[in-house]
Amino acid sequence: MRKLVDTNRRRRRRLLESQEEELDQRVAKENAALQKARQALYDEALIPFRDVLQRLKHVDLIEPAAIERPAVDGEVGLEPRRPRRSAVPVTAGLLVGGTLAIALGSPLAGQAARSGAYRVVRSFGRASTGTAINRLHGAAARNATEAWFGRRATGTGGRAAGRMVLSRIETTTADLSRDVVVKFQIQGFEYDRQARARDLERRERTVRERQDGQAALNERGKDMQRVLQGLRSELVGRLPSFTALVEACDDFAQYDSRRRAGVAAMMELDSLAVTVMKCPITDAEGRMTEESGRVIADAEARLLAMEPRN
């Protein structure tokens, strides 16, 4: 039965590790796609636009918002926060069992019990003559002590009977100690088994929670990716006419309302792109942010409302 339980637990652990690995791979793939969309918007649209904008003189509009180049392998927040996996510690039961095995399970335990009993009688017992044993010395003290144990065993005394009593004390104590060690070891192994089962259940619960939350996060990531691609498309599509405008005349003060509106549209797209790129999808606790939903909805509405390209 124990072997079957261990086999089933190993199978559960392997399945769980497979699910965790698959989930990690899916998260990494979604993160890479979103990071690629941000990188493309930055490299293909924002930087070229700002290079041309710097050549325009007398611009009385707001300066473009600051934006940093996306990190090559930066985290983009497409995974719920994962609690640190904790290994099952060595159990207290096993530690106690190991200590008892050394302290009690060896013959020293029985010898210590025998020696202790012997010392007590040697200190406080009396010989058959009534003399305190602690007043005797050498062989006389040893003989009187052994005879004291003999009297307690047979009623008539005798050193041989006393030595037999002391031997039984030693043997019984050692046997009892081994029984105690075995009991503690069994309890320790059972505690260890339960702790590992709890750890496995905790990991399974974490994987289920990640799977439940991951679907919504993946959808939010795809929405963000779609908006980033839309912004890049709009900026890249309008960039040739904007570049031609600046090359024809780099003094904004001389622009009429139509040309000024074209510059304003590019500035609006630039500002919107920066806002979307900076928006976090998850907070510090791994929860999906409401802000990301609002930013995506606002960006999509503003893209739809923009004037067609010239």
C-alpha atoms as a PDB file:
ATOM      1  CA  MET A   1       0.000   0.000   0.000  1.00  0.00           C
ATOM      2  CA  ARG A   2       2.821   2.398   0.939  1.00  0.00           C
ATOM      3  CA  LYS A   3       4.559   1.684  -2.362  1.00  0.00           C
ATOM      4  CA  LEU A   4       1.352   2.413  -4.293  1.00  0.00           C
ATOM      5  CA  VAL A   5       0.865   5.706  -2.444  1.00  0.00           C
ATOM      6  CA  ASP A   6       4.445   6.766  -3.208  1.00  0.00           C
ATOM      7  CA  THR A   7       4.037   5.793  -6.878  1.00  0.00           C
ATOM      8  CA  ASN A   8       0.817   7.802  -7.209  1.00  0.00           C
ATOM      9  CA  ARG A   9       2.429  10.801  -5.535  1.00  0.00           C
ATOM     10  CA  ARG A  10       5.377  10.681  -7.919  1.00  0.00           C
ATOM     11  CA  ARG A  11       2.996  10.553 -10.865  1.00  0.00           C
ATOM     12  CA  ARG A  12       1.062  13.545  -9.505  1.00  0.00           C
ATOM     13  CA  ARG A  13       4.306  15.452  -9.036  1.00  0.00           C
ATOM     14  CA  ARG A  14       5.486  14.713 -12.577  1.00  0.00           C
ATOM     15  CA  LEU A  15       2.105  15.777 -13.995  1.00  0.00           C
ATOM     16  CA  LEU A  16       2.191  18.938 -11.911  1.00  0.00           C
ATOM     17  CA  GLU A  17       5.718  19.781 -13.068  1.00  0.00           C
ATOM     18  CA  SER A  18       4.616  19.221 -16.668  1.00  0.00           C
ATOM     19  CA  GLN A  19       1.668  21.602 -16.197  1.00  0.00           C
ATOM     20  CA  GLU A  20       3.929  24.209 -14.601  1.00  0.00           C
ATOM     21  CA  GLU A  21       6.432  23.946 -17.440  1.00  0.00           C
ATOM     22  CA  GLU A  22       3.702  24.226 -20.072  1.00  0.00           C
ATOM     23  CA  LEU A  23       2.232  27.277 -18.329  1.00  0.00           C
ATOM     24  CA  ASP A  24       5.660  28.906 -18.062  1.00  0.00           C
ATOM     25  CA  GLN A  25       6.271  28.344 -21.758  1.00  0.00           C
ATOM     26  CA  ARG A  26       2.900  29.834 -22.669  1.00  0.00           C
ATOM     27  CA  VAL A  27       3.565  32.885 -20.491  1.00  0.00           C
ATOM     28  CA  ALA A  28       7.031  33.319 -21.994  1.00  0.00           C
ATOM     29  CA  LYS A  29       5.570  33.137 -25.519  1.00  0.00           C
ATOM     30  CA  GLU A  30       2.901  35.753 -24.774  1.00  0.00           C
ATOM     31  CA  ASN A  31       5.461  38.004 -23.073  1.00  0.00           C
ATOM     32  CA  ALA A  32       7.765  37.751 -26.078  1.00  0.00           C
ATOM     33  CA  ALA A  33       4.966  38.683 -28.495  1.00  0.00           C
ATOM     34  CA  LEU A  34       3.959  41.721 -26.452  1.00  0.00           C
ATOM     35  CA  GLN A  35       7.571  42.795 -26.012  1.00  0.00           C
ATOM     36  CA  LYS A  36       8.093  42.490 -29.769  1.00  0.00           C
ATOM     37  CA  ALA A  37       5.089  44.747 -30.437  1.00  0.00           C
ATOM     38  CA  ARG A  38       6.437  47.388 -28.042  1.00  0.00           C
ATOM     39  CA  GLN A  39       9.897  47.189 -29.557  1.00  0.00           C
ATOM     40  CA  ALA A  40       8.535  47.579 -33.096  1.00  0.00           C
ATOM     41  CA  LEU A  41       6.471  50.632 -32.109  1.00  0.00           C
ATOM     42  CA  TYR A  42       9.516  52.213 -30.508  1.00  0.00           C
ATOM     43  CA  ASP A  43      12.021  51.454 -33.268  1.00  0.00           C
ATOM     44  CA  GLU A  44       9.843  51.812 -36.390  1.00  0.00           C
ATOM     45  CA  ALA A  45       7.539  54.661 -35.385  1.00  0.00           C
ATOM     46  CA  LEU A  46       8.406  56.715 -32.303  1.00  0.00           C
ATOM     47  CA  ILE A  47      12.130  57.212 -32.918  1.00  0.00           C
ATOM     48  CA  PRO A  48      11.790  58.065 -36.658  1.00  0.00           C
ATOM     49  CA  PHE A  49       8.952  60.499 -35.892  1.00  0.00           C
ATOM     50  CA  ARG A  50      10.923  62.275 -33.154  1.00  0.00           C
ATOM     51  CA  ASP A  51      13.992  62.493 -35.366  1.00  0.00           C
ATOM     52  CA  VAL A  52      11.944  64.430 -37.913  1.00  0.00           C
ATOM     53  CA  LEU A  53      10.138  66.470 -35.234  1.00  0.00           C
ATOM     54  CA  GLN A  54      13.470  67.764 -33.897  1.00  0.00           C
ATOM     55  CA  ARG A  55      14.077  69.457 -37.242  1.00  0.00           C
ATOM     56  CA  LEU A  56      10.871  71.492 -36.948  1.00  0.00           C
ATOM     57  CA  LYS A  57      11.403  75.077 -35.707  1.00  0.00           C
ATOM     58  CA  HIS A  58       9.138  77.267 -33.597  1.00  0.00           C
ATOM     59  CA  VAL A  59       6.892  74.425 -32.425  1.00  0.00           C
ATOM     60  CA  ASP A  60       4.546  75.852 -29.777  1.00  0.00           C
ATOM     61  CA  LEU A  61       3.009  72.473 -28.870  1.00  0.00           C
ATOM     62  CA  ILE A  62       3.822  70.411 -25.755  1.00  0.00           C
ATOM     63  CA  GLU A  63       7.141  68.585 -25.837  1.00  0.00           C
ATOM     64  CA  PRO A  64       6.852  64.839 -26.573  1.00  0.00           C
ATOM     65  CA  ALA A  65       6.531  62.682 -23.458  1.00  0.00           C
ATOM     66  CA  ALA A  66       9.694  60.935 -22.308  1.00  0.00           C
ATOM     67  CA  ILE A  67       9.963  57.295 -23.265  1.00  0.00           C
ATOM     68  CA  GLU A  68      12.686  54.726 -22.656  1.00  0.00           C
ATOM     69  CA  ARG A  69      13.732  52.020 -25.049  1.00  0.00           C
ATOM     70  CA  PRO A  70      11.994  48.730 -24.082  1.00  0.00           C
ATOM     71  CA  ALA A  71      14.325  46.264 -22.334  1.00  0.00           C
ATOM     72  CA  VAL A  72      15.372  43.358 -24.529  1.00  0.00           C
ATOM     73  CA  ASP A  73      14.169  40.696 -22.083  1.00  0.00           C
ATOM     74  CA  GLY A  74      12.065  42.904 -19.839  1.00  0.00           C
ATOM     75  CA  GLU A  75       9.058  41.629 -17.909  1.00  0.00           C
ATOM     76  CA  VAL A  76       5.773  42.893 -19.296  1.00  0.00           C
ATOM     77  CA  GLY A  77       3.458  41.535 -16.627  1.00  0.00           C
ATOM     78  CA  LEU A  78       1.559  38.702 -18.284  1.00  0.00           C
ATOM     79  CA  GLU A  79       1.715  36.356 -15.328  1.00  0.00           C
ATOM     80  CA  PRO A  80       0.008  36.407 -11.915  1.00  0.00           C
ATOM     81  CA  ARG A  81       2.406  36.735  -9.010  1.00  0.00           C
ATOM     82  CA  ARG A  82       3.731  33.308  -8.051  1.00  0.00           C
ATOM     83  CA  PRO A  83       4.484  32.450  -4.447  1.00  0.00           C
ATOM     84  CA  ARG A  84       7.985  31.175  -3.913  1.00  0.00           C
ATOM     85  CA  ARG A  85       8.077  27.419  -3.945  1.00  0.00           C
ATOM     86  CA  SER A  86       9.157  26.109  -0.563  1.00  0.00           C
ATOM     87  CA  ALA A  87      10.789  22.752  -0.173  1.00  0.00           C
ATOM     88  CA  VAL A  88       9.433  20.430   2.488  1.00  0.00           C
ATOM     89  CA  PRO A  89      11.804  20.830   5.467  1.00  0.00           C
ATOM     90  CA  VAL A  90      13.355  17.990   7.386  1.00  0.00           C
ATOM     91  CA  THR A  91      10.720  17.203   9.961  1.00  0.00           C
ATOM     92  CA  ALA A  92      11.097  17.629  13.666  1.00  0.00           C
ATOM     93  CA  GLY A  93       9.982  14.044  14.131  1.00  0.00           C
ATOM     94  CA  LEU A  94      12.898  12.727  12.112  1.00  0.00           C
ATOM     95  CA  LEU A  95      15.330  14.944  13.982  1.00  0.00           C
ATOM     96  CA  VAL A  96      13.983  13.776  17.319  1.00  0.00           C
ATOM     97  CA  GLY A  97      14.039  10.184  16.173  1.00  0.00           C
ATOM     98  CA  GLY A  98      17.637  10.532  15.052  1.00  0.00           C
ATOM     99  CA  THR A  99      18.645  12.060  18.364  1.00  0.00           C
ATOM    100  CA  LEU A 100      16.874   9.347  20.320  1.00  0.00           C
ATOM    101  CA  ALA A 101      18.503   6.679  18.209  1.00  0.00           C
ATOM    102  CA  ILE A 102      21.852   7.964  19.368  1.00  0.00           C
ATOM    103  CA  ALA A 103      20.888   8.752  22.960  1.00  0.00           C
ATOM    104  CA  LEU A 104      18.573   5.847  23.753  1.00  0.00           C
ATOM    105  CA  GLY A 105      18.702   3.260  21.036  1.00  0.00           C
ATOM    106  CA  SER A 106      22.250   2.194  21.775  1.00  0.00           C
ATOM    107  CA  PRO A 107      23.388  -0.101  24.625  1.00  0.00           C
ATOM    108  CA  LEU A 108      24.576   3.033  26.446  1.00  0.00           C
ATOM    109  CA  ALA A 109      20.985   3.801  27.412  1.00  0.00           C
ATOM    110  CA  GLY A 110      20.605   0.524  29.314  1.00  0.00           C
ATOM    111  CA  GLN A 111      24.042   0.922  30.859  1.00  0.00           C
ATOM    112  CA  ALA A 112      23.167   4.434  31.990  1.00  0.00           C
ATOM    113  CA  ALA A 113      19.957   3.171  33.625  1.00  0.00           C
ATOM    114  CA  ARG A 114      21.834   0.403  35.417  1.00  0.00           C
ATOM    115  CA  SER A 115      24.558   2.780  36.519  1.00  0.00           C
ATOM    116  CA  GLY A 116      22.015   5.309  37.747  1.00  0.00           C
ATOM    117  CA  ALA A 117      20.125   2.742  39.812  1.00  0.00           C
ATOM    118  CA  TYR A 118      23.397   1.458  41.228  1.00  0.00           C
ATOM    119  CA  ARG A 119      24.508   4.967  42.264  1.00  0.00           C
ATOM    120  CA  VAL A 120      21.202   5.733  43.974  1.00  0.00           C
ATOM    121  CA  VAL A 121      21.390   2.600  46.150  1.00  0.00           C
ATOM    122  CA  ARG A 122      25.102   3.199  46.772  1.00  0.00           C
ATOM    123  CA  SER A 123      24.278   6.689  48.040  1.00  0.00           C
ATOM    124  CA  PHE A 124      21.122   6.090  50.062  1.00  0.00           C
ATOM    125  CA  GLY A 125      20.763   2.326  50.698  1.00  0.00           C
ATOM    126  CA  ARG A 126      21.696   0.336  53.766  1.00  0.00           C
ATOM    127  CA  ALA A 127      23.435  -2.978  54.075  1.00  0.00           C
ATOM    128  CA  SER A 128      21.753  -5.971  55.730  1.00  0.00           C
ATOM    129  CA  THR A 129      23.534  -4.993  58.940  1.00  0.00           C
ATOM    130  CA  GLY A 130      21.888  -1.582  58.906  1.00  0.00           C
ATOM    131  CA  THR A 131      25.060   0.275  58.009  1.00  0.00           C
ATOM    132  CA  ALA A 132      24.711   3.027  55.370  1.00  0.00           C
ATOM    133  CA  ILE A 133      26.289   1.763  52.165  1.00  0.00           C
ATOM    134  CA  ASN A 134      27.846   5.157  51.445  1.00  0.00           C
ATOM    135  CA  ARG A 135      30.039   4.632  54.502  1.00  0.00           C
ATOM    136  CA  LEU A 136      31.520   1.465  52.989  1.00  0.00           C
ATOM    137  CA  HIS A 137      34.317   1.377  50.431  1.00  0.00           C
ATOM    138  CA  GLY A 138      35.662  -0.847  47.666  1.00  0.00           C
ATOM    139  CA  ALA A 139      34.467  -4.449  47.486  1.00  0.00           C
ATOM    140  CA  ALA A 140      32.409  -4.092  50.665  1.00  0.00           C
ATOM    141  CA  ALA A 141      30.348  -1.277  49.155  1.00  0.00           C
ATOM    142  CA  ARG A 142      29.897  -3.159  45.863  1.00  0.00           C
ATOM    143  CA  ASN A 143      28.864  -6.362  47.633  1.00  0.00           C
ATOM    144  CA  ALA A 144      26.392  -4.517  49.880  1.00  0.00           C
ATOM    145  CA  THR A 145      24.836  -2.718  46.907  1.00  0.00           C
ATOM    146  CA  GLU A 146      24.367  -5.895  44.893  1.00  0.00           C
ATOM    147  CA  ALA A 147      22.914  -7.649  47.958  1.00  0.00           C
ATOM    148  CA  TRP A 148      20.466  -4.750  48.419  1.00  0.00           C
ATOM    149  CA  PHE A 149      19.068  -5.378  44.917  1.00  0.00           C
ATOM    150  CA  GLY A 150      18.974  -9.115  45.695  1.00  0.00           C
ATOM    151  CA  ARG A 151      16.852  -8.550  48.800  1.00  0.00           C
ATOM    152  CA  ARG A 152      14.366  -6.461  46.774  1.00  0.00           C
ATOM    153  CA  ALA A 153      14.111  -9.249  44.173  1.00  0.00           C
ATOM    154  CA  THR A 154      13.932 -12.377  46.357  1.00  0.00           C
ATOM    155  CA  GLY A 155      13.379 -11.120  49.876  1.00  0.00           C
ATOM    156  CA  THR A 156      16.405 -13.009  51.135  1.00  0.00           C
ATOM    157  CA  GLY A 157      19.144 -11.116  49.368  1.00  0.00           C
ATOM    158  CA  GLY A 158      22.216 -12.431  47.646  1.00  0.00           C
ATOM    159  CA  ARG A 159      24.680 -10.768  45.351  1.00  0.00           C
ATOM    160  CA  ALA A 160      23.874 -13.094  42.432  1.00  0.00           C
ATOM    161  CA  ALA A 161      20.202 -12.137  42.583  1.00  0.00           C
ATOM    162  CA  GLY A 162      21.213  -8.486  42.793  1.00  0.00           C
ATOM    163  CA  ARG A 163      23.403  -8.709  39.717  1.00  0.00           C
ATOM    164  CA  MET A 164      20.498 -10.357  37.869  1.00  0.00           C
ATOM    165  CA  VAL A 165      18.219  -7.448  38.835  1.00  0.00           C
ATOM    166  CA  LEU A 166      20.758  -4.918  37.565  1.00  0.00           C
ATOM    167  CA  SER A 167      21.121  -6.868  34.320  1.00  0.00           C
ATOM    168  CA  ARG A 168      17.335  -6.823  33.817  1.00  0.00           C
ATOM    169  CA  ILE A 169      17.280  -3.061  34.406  1.00  0.00           C
ATOM    170  CA  GLU A 170      19.886  -2.620  31.691  1.00  0.00           C
ATOM    171  CA  THR A 171      18.169  -4.931  29.189  1.00  0.00           C
ATOM    172  CA  THR A 172      14.646  -3.616  29.838  1.00  0.00           C
ATOM    173  CA  THR A 173      15.735   0.020  29.518  1.00  0.00           C
ATOM    174  CA  ALA A 174      17.579  -0.611  26.242  1.00  0.00           C
ATOM    175  CA  ASP A 175      14.559  -2.467  24.795  1.00  0.00           C
ATOM    176  CA  LEU A 176      12.226   0.306  25.924  1.00  0.00           C
ATOM    177  CA  SER A 177      14.529   2.904  24.395  1.00  0.00           C
ATOM    178  CA  ARG A 178      14.522   1.125  21.053  1.00  0.00           C
ATOM    179  CA  ASP A 179      10.722   0.970  21.149  1.00  0.00           C
ATOM    180  CA  VAL A 180      10.594   4.706  21.804  1.00  0.00           C
ATOM    181  CA  VAL A 181      13.004   5.375  18.923  1.00  0.00           C
ATOM    182  CA  VAL A 182      10.951   3.273  16.517  1.00  0.00           C
ATOM    183  CA  LYS A 183       7.778   5.076  17.585  1.00  0.00           C
ATOM    184  CA  PHE A 184       9.328   8.490  17.057  1.00  0.00           C
ATOM    185  CA  GLN A 185      10.758   7.475  13.708  1.00  0.00           C
ATOM    186  CA  ILE A 186       7.365   6.198  12.539  1.00  0.00           C
ATOM    187  CA  GLN A 187       5.759   9.450  13.686  1.00  0.00           C
ATOM    188  CA  GLY A 188       8.502  11.413  11.940  1.00  0.00           C
ATOM    189  CA  PHE A 189       8.038   9.582   8.643  1.00  0.00           C
ATOM    190  CA  GLU A 190       4.269  10.036   8.862  1.00  0.00           C
ATOM    191  CA  TYR A 191       4.678  13.745   9.553  1.00  0.00           C
ATOM    192  CA  ASP A 192       7.077  13.984   6.618  1.00  0.00           C
ATOM    193  CA  ARG A 193       4.604  12.166   4.354  1.00  0.00           C
ATOM    194  CA  GLN A 194       1.795  14.515   5.369  1.00  0.00           C
ATOM    195  CA  ALA A 195       3.992  17.588   4.895  1.00  0.00           C
ATOM    196  CA  ARG A 196       4.945  16.488   1.375  1.00  0.00           C
ATOM    197  CA  ALA A 197       1.295  15.798   0.565  1.00  0.00           C
ATOM    198  CA  ARG A 198       0.344  19.289   1.778  1.00  0.00           C
ATOM    199  CA  ASP A 199       3.134  20.824  -0.293  1.00  0.00           C
ATOM    200  CA  LEU A 200       1.903  18.956  -3.387  1.00  0.00           C
ATOM    201  CA  GLU A 201      -1.675  20.101  -2.791  1.00  0.00           C
ATOM    202  CA  ARG A 202      -0.445  23.666  -2.331  1.00  0.00           C
ATOM    203  CA  ARG A 203       1.418  23.539  -5.629  1.00  0.00           C
ATOM    204  CA  GLU A 204      -1.611  22.071  -7.423  1.00  0.00           C
ATOM    205  CA  ARG A 205      -3.782  24.849  -6.012  1.00  0.00           C
ATOM    206  CA  THR A 206      -1.271  27.462  -7.166  1.00  0.00           C
ATOM    207  CA  VAL A 207      -1.190  26.001 -10.692  1.00  0.00           C
ATOM    208  CA  ARG A 208      -4.999  26.024 -10.875  1.00  0.00           C
ATOM    209  CA  GLU A 209      -5.090  29.653  -9.730  1.00  0.00           C
ATOM    210  CA  ARG A 210      -2.444  30.586 -12.280  1.00  0.00           C
ATOM    211  CA  GLN A 211      -4.355  28.800 -15.038  1.00  0.00           C
ATOM    212  CA  ASP A 212      -7.590  30.535 -14.072  1.00  0.00           C
ATOM    213  CA  GLY A 213      -5.975  33.963 -14.023  1.00  0.00           C
ATOM    214  CA  GLN A 214      -3.788  33.399 -17.048  1.00  0.00           C
ATOM    215  CA  ALA A 215      -6.623  33.252 -19.578  1.00  0.00           C
ATOM    216  CA  ALA A 216      -7.829  36.761 -18.705  1.00  0.00           C
ATOM    217  CA  LEU A 217      -4.277  38.122 -18.656  1.00  0.00           C
ATOM    218  CA  ASN A 218      -3.545  36.592 -22.053  1.00  0.00           C
ATOM    219  CA  GLU A 219      -6.631  38.269 -23.503  1.00  0.00           C
ATOM    220  CA  ARG A 220      -5.580  41.603 -22.010  1.00  0.00           C
ATOM    221  CA  GLY A 221      -2.102  41.074 -23.448  1.00  0.00           C
ATOM    222  CA  LYS A 222      -3.516  40.371 -26.899  1.00  0.00           C
ATOM    223  CA  ASP A 223      -5.647  43.555 -26.668  1.00  0.00           C
ATOM    224  CA  MET A 224      -2.545  45.531 -25.708  1.00  0.00           C
ATOM    225  CA  GLN A 225      -0.595  43.984 -28.550  1.00  0.00           C
ATOM    226  CA  ARG A 226      -3.350  44.863 -31.044  1.00  0.00           C
ATOM    227  CA  VAL A 227      -3.374  48.503 -29.892  1.00  0.00           C
ATOM    228  CA  LEU A 228       0.429  48.746 -30.093  1.00  0.00           C
ATOM    229  CA  GLN A 229       0.340  47.392 -33.632  1.00  0.00           C
ATOM    230  CA  GLY A 230      -2.432  49.828 -34.545  1.00  0.00           C
ATOM    231  CA  LEU A 231      -0.454  52.790 -33.209  1.00  0.00           C
ATOM    232  CA  ARG A 232       2.658  51.679 -35.057  1.00  0.00           C
ATOM    233  CA  SER A 233       0.689  51.295 -38.274  1.00  0.00           C
ATOM    234  CA  GLU A 234      -0.810  54.787 -37.956  1.00  0.00           C
ATOM    235  CA  LEU A 235       2.489  56.468 -37.108  1.00  0.00           C
ATOM    236  CA  VAL A 236       4.442  54.642 -39.821  1.00  0.00           C
ATOM    237  CA  GLY A 237       1.683  55.320 -42.380  1.00  0.00           C
ATOM    238  CA  ARG A 238       1.625  59.071 -41.637  1.00  0.00           C
ATOM    239  CA  LEU A 239       5.392  59.468 -41.295  1.00  0.00           C
ATOM    240  CA  PRO A 240       6.229  59.921 -45.047  1.00  0.00           C
ATOM    241  CA  SER A 241       3.820  62.850 -45.456  1.00  0.00           C
ATOM    242  CA  PHE A 242       5.006  64.377 -42.161  1.00  0.00           C
ATOM    243  CA  THR A 243       8.631  64.043 -43.264  1.00  0.00           C
ATOM    244  CA  ALA A 244       7.824  65.653 -46.619  1.00  0.00           C
ATOM    245  CA  LEU A 245       6.046  68.485 -44.809  1.00  0.00           C
ATOM    246  CA  VAL A 246       9.068  69.266 -42.620  1.00  0.00           C
ATOM    247  CA  GLU A 247      11.493  68.958 -45.529  1.00  0.00           C
ATOM    248  CA  ALA A 248       9.415  71.408 -47.540  1.00  0.00           C
ATOM    249  CA  CYS A 249       9.244  73.892 -44.676  1.00  0.00           C
ATOM    250  CA  ASP A 250      10.808  73.410 -41.249  1.00  0.00           C
ATOM    251  CA  ASP A 251       9.256  76.546 -39.683  1.00  0.00           C
ATOM    252  CA  PHE A 252       6.071  75.668 -37.820  1.00  0.00           C
ATOM    253  CA  ALA A 253       5.161  79.349 -37.510  1.00  0.00           C
ATOM    254  CA  GLN A 254       4.538  79.492 -41.265  1.00  0.00           C
ATOM    255  CA  TYR A 255       2.131  76.529 -41.308  1.00  0.00           C
ATOM    256  CA  ASP A 256      -1.530  77.027 -42.074  1.00  0.00           C
ATOM    257  CA  SER A 257      -4.307  75.315 -40.067  1.00  0.00           C
ATOM    258  CA  ARG A 258      -4.293  72.187 -42.234  1.00  0.00           C
ATOM    259  CA  ARG A 259      -0.556  71.566 -41.839  1.00  0.00           C
ATOM    260  CA  ARG A 260      -0.713  72.390 -38.123  1.00  0.00           C
ATOM    261  CA  ALA A 261      -3.493  69.846 -37.741  1.00  0.00           C
ATOM    262  CA  GLY A 262      -1.254  67.246 -39.385  1.00  0.00           C
ATOM    263  CA  VAL A 263       1.521  67.936 -36.871  1.00  0.00           C
ATOM    264  CA  ALA A 264      -0.990  67.847 -33.988  1.00  0.00           C
ATOM    265  CA  ALA A 265      -2.278  64.462 -35.150  1.00  0.00           C
ATOM    266  CA  MET A 266       1.243  63.025 -35.129  1.00  0.00           C
ATOM    267  CA  MET A 267       1.886  64.492 -31.668  1.00  0.00           C
ATOM    268  CA  GLU A 268      -1.365  62.933 -30.413  1.00  0.00           C
ATOM    269  CA  LEU A 269      -0.380  59.536 -31.773  1.00  0.00           C
ATOM    270  CA  ASP A 270       3.054  59.861 -30.191  1.00  0.00           C
ATOM    271  CA  SER A 271       1.590  60.751 -26.785  1.00  0.00           C
ATOM    272  CA  LEU A 272      -0.957  57.937 -26.999  1.00  0.00           C
ATOM    273  CA  ALA A 273       1.774  55.430 -27.910  1.00  0.00           C
ATOM    274  CA  VAL A 274       3.853  56.459 -24.890  1.00  0.00           C
ATOM    275  CA  THR A 275       0.845  56.083 -22.591  1.00  0.00           C
ATOM    276  CA  VAL A 276       0.082  52.597 -23.874  1.00  0.00           C
ATOM    277  CA  MET A 277       3.692  51.451 -23.716  1.00  0.00           C
ATOM    278  CA  LYS A 278       4.067  52.601 -20.108  1.00  0.00           C
ATOM    279  CA  CYS A 279       0.793  51.089 -18.901  1.00  0.00           C
ATOM    280  CA  PRO A 280       1.285  48.040 -16.641  1.00  0.00           C
ATOM    281  CA  ILE A 281      -0.975  45.035 -17.216  1.00  0.00           C
ATOM    282  CA  THR A 282      -0.544  43.688 -13.685  1.00  0.00           C
ATOM    283  CA  ASP A 283       0.144  45.307 -10.308  1.00  0.00           C
ATOM    284  CA  ALA A 284       2.783  44.353  -7.744  1.00  0.00           C
ATOM    285  CA  GLU A 285       0.570  41.474  -6.521  1.00  0.00           C
ATOM    286  CA  GLY A 286       0.092  40.029  -9.998  1.00  0.00           C
ATOM    287  CA  ARG A 287      -3.521  41.204 -10.305  1.00  0.00           C
ATOM    288  CA  MET A 288      -4.721  42.566 -13.646  1.00  0.00           C
ATOM    289  CA  THR A 289      -4.954  46.355 -13.482  1.00  0.00           C
ATOM    290  CA  GLU A 290      -8.124  48.278 -14.286  1.00  0.00           C
ATOM    291  CA  GLU A 291      -5.901  51.001 -15.727  1.00  0.00           C
ATOM    292  CA  SER A 292      -4.751  48.750 -18.571  1.00  0.00           C
ATOM    293  CA  GLY A 293      -8.367  48.094 -19.573  1.00  0.00           C
ATOM    294  CA  ARG A 294      -9.163  51.825 -19.606  1.00  0.00           C
ATOM    295  CA  VAL A 295      -6.002  52.716 -21.537  1.00  0.00           C
ATOM    296  CA  ILE A 296      -6.669  50.074 -24.193  1.00  0.00           C
ATOM    297  CA  ALA A 297     -10.315  51.115 -24.614  1.00  0.00           C
ATOM    298  CA  ASP A 298      -9.361  54.805 -24.847  1.00  0.00           C
ATOM    299  CA  ALA A 299      -6.593  54.130 -27.373  1.00  0.00           C
ATOM    300  CA  GLU A 300      -8.886  52.053 -29.593  1.00  0.00           C
ATOM    301  CA  ALA A 301     -11.587  54.751 -29.503  1.00  0.00           C
ATOM    302  CA  ARG A 302      -9.109  57.508 -30.374  1.00  0.00           C
ATOM    303  CA  LEU A 303      -7.603  55.495 -33.214  1.00  0.00           C
ATOM    304  CA  LEU A 304     -11.054  54.963 -34.698  1.00  0.00           C
ATOM    305  CA  ALA A 305     -11.889  58.662 -34.344  1.00  0.00           C
ATOM    306  CA  MET A 306      -8.745  59.926 -36.095  1.00  0.00           C
ATOM    307  CA  GLU A 307      -8.984  61.666 -39.428  1.00  0.00           C
ATOM    308  CA  PRO A 308      -8.044  59.484 -42.397  1.00  0.00           C
ATOM    309  CA  ARG A 309      -4.464  59.770 -43.652  1.00  0.00           C
ATOM    310  CA  ASN A 310      -3.734  62.166 -46.465  1.00  0.00           C
END
